[in-house]
Amino acid sequence: MDALTFLRDHVSLFAGVNEENLTSLAQASELLTFAAGQTILFKGATVDGLHIVVSGQADVFMRASNKALVRIAELGAGEVFGEMSIVEMGTAGATIKASDKGAVVLMVPQEAFRHVLQQDEGFAVRVNMLIVSRRTAPVSVPA
């Protein structure tokens, strides 16, 4: 399956984005493969783009008070990460690793993602709603 079809048919965040913008995102994107347990994104690192899980799973980790990494979320096919860091021009708020089966991730560069945010008000609203939902979701990190 090509990137355009994947974005259009399997990523709910892009529902309603016009074909021209989807094509632009797909053409700019890069497919990345990560081995089991490999770190995709380190907490505090600069985020190069929006990451979308194509296959496998990406696990989200935070540090507990005892300094151990604790998995707080699992992201499957069609789910995204990195949007908050791009929109807020910050760094990654969590460490993301490929699951024990590995992960294939489509990475949309920041510039392409920001361009569509500026072009498509509905898309910008959905991205902001996602950010708000992630901020308000209860996260329990054991001590």
C-alpha atoms as a PDB file:
ATOM      1  CA  MET A   1       0.000   0.000   0.000  1.00  0.00           C
ATOM      2  CA  ASP A   2       1.327   3.443  -0.860  1.00  0.00           C
ATOM      3  CA  ALA A   3       1.620   6.345   1.610  1.00  0.00           C
ATOM      4  CA  LEU A   4      -1.277   8.301   0.109  1.00  0.00           C
ATOM      5  CA  THR A   5      -3.699   5.374   0.405  1.00  0.00           C
ATOM      6  CA  PHE A   6      -2.535   4.677   3.946  1.00  0.00           C
ATOM      7  CA  LEU A   7      -3.015   8.290   5.069  1.00  0.00           C
ATOM      8  CA  ARG A   8      -6.424   8.556   3.397  1.00  0.00           C
ATOM      9  CA  ASP A   9      -7.846   5.189   4.413  1.00  0.00           C
ATOM     10  CA  HIS A  10      -6.178   4.272   7.707  1.00  0.00           C
ATOM     11  CA  VAL A  11      -5.329   7.436   9.651  1.00  0.00           C
ATOM     12  CA  SER A  12      -8.433   9.001  11.201  1.00  0.00           C
ATOM     13  CA  LEU A  13      -6.557  12.228  11.957  1.00  0.00           C
ATOM     14  CA  PHE A  14      -6.452  12.904   8.197  1.00  0.00           C
ATOM     15  CA  ALA A  15     -10.178  12.304   7.592  1.00  0.00           C
ATOM     16  CA  GLY A  16     -11.511  15.146   5.476  1.00  0.00           C
ATOM     17  CA  VAL A  17      -8.098  16.465   4.378  1.00  0.00           C
ATOM     18  CA  ASN A  18      -8.279  17.188   0.649  1.00  0.00           C
ATOM     19  CA  GLU A  19      -6.452  15.019  -1.880  1.00  0.00           C
ATOM     20  CA  GLU A  20      -3.945  17.750  -2.780  1.00  0.00           C
ATOM     21  CA  ASN A  21      -2.792  18.140   0.833  1.00  0.00           C
ATOM     22  CA  LEU A  22      -2.757  14.377   1.408  1.00  0.00           C
ATOM     23  CA  THR A  23      -0.659  13.908  -1.727  1.00  0.00           C
ATOM     24  CA  SER A  24       1.767  16.561  -0.525  1.00  0.00           C
ATOM     25  CA  LEU A  25       2.110  14.823   2.857  1.00  0.00           C
ATOM     26  CA  ALA A  26       2.545  11.409   1.261  1.00  0.00           C
ATOM     27  CA  GLN A  27       5.216  12.633  -1.146  1.00  0.00           C
ATOM     28  CA  ALA A  28       7.180  14.302   1.648  1.00  0.00           C
ATOM     29  CA  SER A  29       6.943  11.315   3.998  1.00  0.00           C
ATOM     30  CA  GLU A  30       9.573   8.711   4.724  1.00  0.00           C
ATOM     31  CA  LEU A  31       8.979   5.080   5.725  1.00  0.00           C
ATOM     32  CA  LEU A  32      11.124   4.017   8.688  1.00  0.00           C
ATOM     33  CA  THR A  33      11.562   0.513  10.092  1.00  0.00           C
ATOM     34  CA  PHE A  34      12.432  -0.098  13.743  1.00  0.00           C
ATOM     35  CA  ALA A  35      13.566  -3.371  15.299  1.00  0.00           C
ATOM     36  CA  ALA A  36      11.961  -4.762  18.447  1.00  0.00           C
ATOM     37  CA  GLY A  37      12.725  -2.485  21.387  1.00  0.00           C
ATOM     38  CA  GLN A  38      14.500   0.122  19.268  1.00  0.00           C
ATOM     39  CA  THR A  39      13.947   3.712  20.381  1.00  0.00           C
ATOM     40  CA  ILE A  40      12.020   5.747  17.824  1.00  0.00           C
ATOM     41  CA  LEU A  41      12.036   8.989  19.774  1.00  0.00           C
ATOM     42  CA  PHE A  42      13.823   9.985  22.972  1.00  0.00           C
ATOM     43  CA  LYS A  43      12.131  12.183  25.577  1.00  0.00           C
ATOM     44  CA  GLY A  44      13.579  15.687  25.282  1.00  0.00           C
ATOM     45  CA  ALA A  45      14.704  15.211  21.683  1.00  0.00           C
ATOM     46  CA  THR A  46      13.737  17.508  18.834  1.00  0.00           C
ATOM     47  CA  VAL A  47      10.900  15.971  16.820  1.00  0.00           C
ATOM     48  CA  ASP A  48      11.631  15.858  13.080  1.00  0.00           C
ATOM     49  CA  GLY A  49       8.052  15.239  12.047  1.00  0.00           C
ATOM     50  CA  LEU A  50       4.705  13.641  12.680  1.00  0.00           C
ATOM     51  CA  HIS A  51       5.118   9.903  13.177  1.00  0.00           C
ATOM     52  CA  ILE A  52       2.369   7.517  12.125  1.00  0.00           C
ATOM     53  CA  VAL A  53       2.437   3.817  12.999  1.00  0.00           C
ATOM     54  CA  VAL A  54       1.966   1.803   9.793  1.00  0.00           C
ATOM     55  CA  SER A  55       2.430  -1.671  11.264  1.00  0.00           C
ATOM     56  CA  GLY A  56       3.575  -3.208  14.485  1.00  0.00           C
ATOM     57  CA  GLN A  57       3.248  -1.150  17.614  1.00  0.00           C
ATOM     58  CA  ALA A  58       4.947   1.812  19.253  1.00  0.00           C
ATOM     59  CA  ASP A  59       5.067   1.917  23.035  1.00  0.00           C
ATOM     60  CA  VAL A  60       5.078   5.193  24.957  1.00  0.00           C
ATOM     61  CA  PHE A  61       7.290   5.345  28.054  1.00  0.00           C
ATOM     62  CA  MET A  62       7.666   7.825  30.906  1.00  0.00           C
ATOM     63  CA  ARG A  63      10.087   7.772  33.828  1.00  0.00           C
ATOM     64  CA  ALA A  64       8.636   6.780  37.178  1.00  0.00           C
ATOM     65  CA  SER A  65       9.873   8.384  40.383  1.00  0.00           C
ATOM     66  CA  ASN A  66      12.245   5.425  40.843  1.00  0.00           C
ATOM     67  CA  LYS A  67      13.767   6.413  37.460  1.00  0.00           C
ATOM     68  CA  ALA A  68      12.585   3.245  35.695  1.00  0.00           C
ATOM     69  CA  LEU A  69      10.929   3.575  32.283  1.00  0.00           C
ATOM     70  CA  VAL A  70       7.271   2.574  32.488  1.00  0.00           C
ATOM     71  CA  ARG A  71       5.046   1.932  29.478  1.00  0.00           C
ATOM     72  CA  ILE A  72       2.020   4.231  29.673  1.00  0.00           C
ATOM     73  CA  ALA A  73       0.475   3.697  26.240  1.00  0.00           C
ATOM     74  CA  GLU A  74       0.526   1.505  23.154  1.00  0.00           C
ATOM     75  CA  LEU A  75       0.045   2.968  19.683  1.00  0.00           C
ATOM     76  CA  GLY A  76      -1.093   0.748  16.833  1.00  0.00           C
ATOM     77  CA  ALA A  77      -1.519   1.129  13.093  1.00  0.00           C
ATOM     78  CA  GLY A  78      -2.944   4.505  12.104  1.00  0.00           C
ATOM     79  CA  GLU A  79      -2.083   6.195  15.404  1.00  0.00           C
ATOM     80  CA  VAL A  80       0.214   9.217  15.529  1.00  0.00           C
ATOM     81  CA  PHE A  81       2.790  10.786  17.815  1.00  0.00           C
ATOM     82  CA  GLY A  82       4.942  13.891  17.760  1.00  0.00           C
ATOM     83  CA  GLU A  83       2.128  16.321  16.948  1.00  0.00           C
ATOM     84  CA  MET A  84       2.303  18.126  20.274  1.00  0.00           C
ATOM     85  CA  SER A  85       6.018  18.839  19.960  1.00  0.00           C
ATOM     86  CA  ILE A  86       5.572  20.175  16.429  1.00  0.00           C
ATOM     87  CA  VAL A  87       2.579  22.401  17.166  1.00  0.00           C
ATOM     88  CA  GLU A  88       4.085  23.763  20.378  1.00  0.00           C
ATOM     89  CA  MET A  89       7.630  23.878  18.979  1.00  0.00           C
ATOM     90  CA  GLY A  90       8.906  21.856  21.913  1.00  0.00           C
ATOM     91  CA  THR A  91      10.696  18.585  22.415  1.00  0.00           C
ATOM     92  CA  ALA A  92       9.373  15.058  22.810  1.00  0.00           C
ATOM     93  CA  GLY A  93       7.497  14.622  26.070  1.00  0.00           C
ATOM     94  CA  ALA A  94       7.971  10.849  26.227  1.00  0.00           C
ATOM     95  CA  THR A  95      10.225   8.104  24.935  1.00  0.00           C
ATOM     96  CA  ILE A  96       8.701   6.018  22.134  1.00  0.00           C
ATOM     97  CA  LYS A  97      10.019   2.534  21.371  1.00  0.00           C
ATOM     98  CA  ALA A  98       9.091  -0.150  18.872  1.00  0.00           C
ATOM     99  CA  SER A  99       7.229  -3.001  20.531  1.00  0.00           C
ATOM    100  CA  ASP A 100       8.638  -6.509  20.858  1.00  0.00           C
ATOM    101  CA  LYS A 101       7.512  -7.172  17.265  1.00  0.00           C
ATOM    102  CA  GLY A 102       9.067  -4.003  15.863  1.00  0.00           C
ATOM    103  CA  ALA A 103       7.324  -1.152  14.096  1.00  0.00           C
ATOM    104  CA  VAL A 104       7.100   0.494  10.701  1.00  0.00           C
ATOM    105  CA  VAL A 105       6.490   4.231  10.939  1.00  0.00           C
ATOM    106  CA  LEU A 106       5.641   6.826   8.310  1.00  0.00           C
ATOM    107  CA  MET A 107       7.335  10.111   9.200  1.00  0.00           C
ATOM    108  CA  VAL A 108       5.862  13.316   7.759  1.00  0.00           C
ATOM    109  CA  PRO A 109       8.427  16.153   8.021  1.00  0.00           C
ATOM    110  CA  GLN A 110       7.521  19.121  10.220  1.00  0.00           C
ATOM    111  CA  GLU A 111       7.362  21.567   7.314  1.00  0.00           C
ATOM    112  CA  ALA A 112       4.842  19.480   5.364  1.00  0.00           C
ATOM    113  CA  PHE A 113       2.741  18.880   8.480  1.00  0.00           C
ATOM    114  CA  ARG A 114       2.745  22.580   9.424  1.00  0.00           C
ATOM    115  CA  HIS A 115       1.813  23.542   5.863  1.00  0.00           C
ATOM    116  CA  VAL A 116      -1.335  21.400   5.991  1.00  0.00           C
ATOM    117  CA  LEU A 117      -2.160  22.755   9.464  1.00  0.00           C
ATOM    118  CA  GLN A 118      -2.127  26.258   7.959  1.00  0.00           C
ATOM    119  CA  GLN A 119      -4.093  25.241   4.854  1.00  0.00           C
ATOM    120  CA  ASP A 120      -6.835  23.157   6.459  1.00  0.00           C
ATOM    121  CA  GLU A 121      -8.715  24.628   9.425  1.00  0.00           C
ATOM    122  CA  GLY A 122     -10.622  21.387  10.095  1.00  0.00           C
ATOM    123  CA  PHE A 123      -7.376  19.446  10.263  1.00  0.00           C
ATOM    124  CA  ALA A 124      -5.875  22.025  12.639  1.00  0.00           C
ATOM    125  CA  VAL A 125      -8.918  21.675  14.899  1.00  0.00           C
ATOM    126  CA  ARG A 126      -8.578  17.845  14.954  1.00  0.00           C
ATOM    127  CA  VAL A 127      -4.864  18.095  15.781  1.00  0.00           C
ATOM    128  CA  ASN A 128      -5.567  20.545  18.609  1.00  0.00           C
ATOM    129  CA  MET A 129      -8.347  18.297  19.932  1.00  0.00           C
ATOM    130  CA  LEU A 130      -5.900  15.377  19.940  1.00  0.00           C
ATOM    131  CA  ILE A 131      -3.379  17.456  21.891  1.00  0.00           C
ATOM    132  CA  VAL A 132      -6.028  18.483  24.431  1.00  0.00           C
ATOM    133  CA  SER A 133      -7.179  14.868  24.838  1.00  0.00           C
ATOM    134  CA  ARG A 134      -3.609  13.734  25.478  1.00  0.00           C
ATOM    135  CA  ARG A 135      -3.056  16.480  28.045  1.00  0.00           C
ATOM    136  CA  THR A 136      -6.231  15.589  29.935  1.00  0.00           C
ATOM    137  CA  ALA A 137      -5.909  11.793  29.723  1.00  0.00           C
ATOM    138  CA  PRO A 138      -5.037  10.311  33.094  1.00  0.00           C
ATOM    139  CA  VAL A 139      -1.500   8.965  33.152  1.00  0.00           C
ATOM    140  CA  SER A 140      -0.484   6.785  36.043  1.00  0.00           C
ATOM    141  CA  VAL A 141       3.236   6.272  36.327  1.00  0.00           C
ATOM    142  CA  PRO A 142       4.036   3.975  39.243  1.00  0.00           C
ATOM    143  CA  ALA A 143       6.522   5.185  41.837  1.00  0.00           C
END
